[in-house]
Every structure is written in structure tokens, then in C-alpha cells.
Amino acid sequence: MTPIEENGGIWKYTSSTGWEFILPKYPSTSFPLGRSYHAATASQAEGLIYIHAGCPESGRLSDLWSYNPKENVWIKLPDAPGASRGGSSICCFEEFQSRTINVARINGYSGTEEIGGIIDIYSPRSHSWERVVFDPNGIEGPGPRSVGTLLTVRIEGKQYLFTMFGEGRPSPLGHAGAGRMWDDAWIFDIEEKSWQKVEWETIGPAPRGWFAADVIEVEGKDGVVLHGGLGEDNERLGDVWLLKFN
């Protein structure tokens, strides 16, 4: 599989004018290689976009980059610990003691196994990674997976990490097929470093991976919207779901 190489370029969408392709301010400096199955997130507080890992033309990556849209500059940050991977999930959250923005990374596929049991946290303040280990047995924490999601949600004023679904066992067809998908969701208490499984009160979405999800405000509270993905039958999905927290 050959990803599109755009030499660090960014596509910017403006509702009034449409799409614009922007090359880095300093094209001769380093920028992320073209890749697929990478993870991306943004920090509104910092005004930065982060991308992490993924699959170049061969192998897998473990790098982390920040992009400043205002300055149009890429900065390479320390590589994440552990196996290089695709299909991981990252998000930004506010560290409760220092009140600085950190980046959390979870899960992914190494090429030989689904990865679980670890949350890696990058601190821009110290330019270093911290590792939080848990038992991925489906009781103390979510099982190993890739192509899921990781989001920051606030419930009753407290900040949590939220993850759901993803592929728990890869397909023998590789990227051409669908493996065993999870149908669960979990929240992680950042202060207590503990997981709690989310229990549906009604019928929830079918198991899937490779979907889109984000946090939206619903009646003054954080909710999670989910769209599409790939089901266990290797069929693309087009449904939309809204999760509200009680």
C-alpha cells in the first residue's frame, strides 16, 4: 500500500471559499512522511494539530508531530514508546495538577498483534512520555484493539478519557478484510487511573472499527456522536448514533 505523499502539506477548508492546499512555511525542513492508518487530534487551547504513527509504504511508525496552523510549521516530538503501529487512537486532555495540555495514546496494531493494556501520555511541558499500565481483561480495562477512538469528555464537570469499539482480532485478509470487532465502550478516570465500562440503557451500535467519532454538546452536556465504520461482515456502515451520559 502506497500512501499519498504531500510533503507535509495541509488541506484547509473554509466554508465560504472551499478547499486550499498549503505547503509548510519551510519546505526544506522535516515534516511527517505520507502515511495511512495514523491518528490525529487537535488542541484548541494550544492551537496545535497532532499526528501520530501509522503505515508508510512499508512498516509502521511511532513518531509524534505537532503542526501550528498559525505559523504553518511542523515540529517533530519524541517518538512514543513501545511497538510501532497503525490504527492507534490519540486525544488531548488537560492534566489536572499542572493544568497543561497532554496527549494520550492508546491501542493500535503492530503488524503481529493488537495492542492493549497501556495508555501512553506525552507531556509537551517535559517533552517526555509517561506510561499507565492496566489489565486489558475486559473487567479492569478494555481489551486490546485498533482502529477505535479516544476522546476527552466531561461528565458532571470532571474530565475523562473515553474509548469504544475497534478491531480486537485482525482479519487474515489484512487491510482487505474485517476481523473481530468490539462493541463496548469505556471511560478512564484520569486522576484515579482507573477504567469503568459504559453500560448501554438501550440497544447500541453494531460492533465496528474504522469509524468517525467526536464529542458534541447535547443539552449543555458532553455527548459522543459516532458515524459509519466497517462491520464484522466487511461491509461499510453509514449509520449515525448519539451517546448521552447519565
Foldseek 3Di string as FASTA:
>chain_A
DAFDFPQQWDWDQDPVPGIDIGHAPDSVDDHDGGFPLWEKEDDPVVQKIKIAKHGHPDFIAQWIWIARPVNRDIDTADGFDDAGFGQKEKYWDQDPPVRDIKMWIAWGDRPPATDHQWIWIADPVVSDIDIQGDDCPVPFHPHGFGQWYWAWFADPRAIKIKIAKHAHGQDPVHPQAGHDMGGWMWIARNVVRTIDTDDDPDDDDAHFGNWDKYWDADPNGIKMKIAWGAHNRRDIGGDIDIGDDD
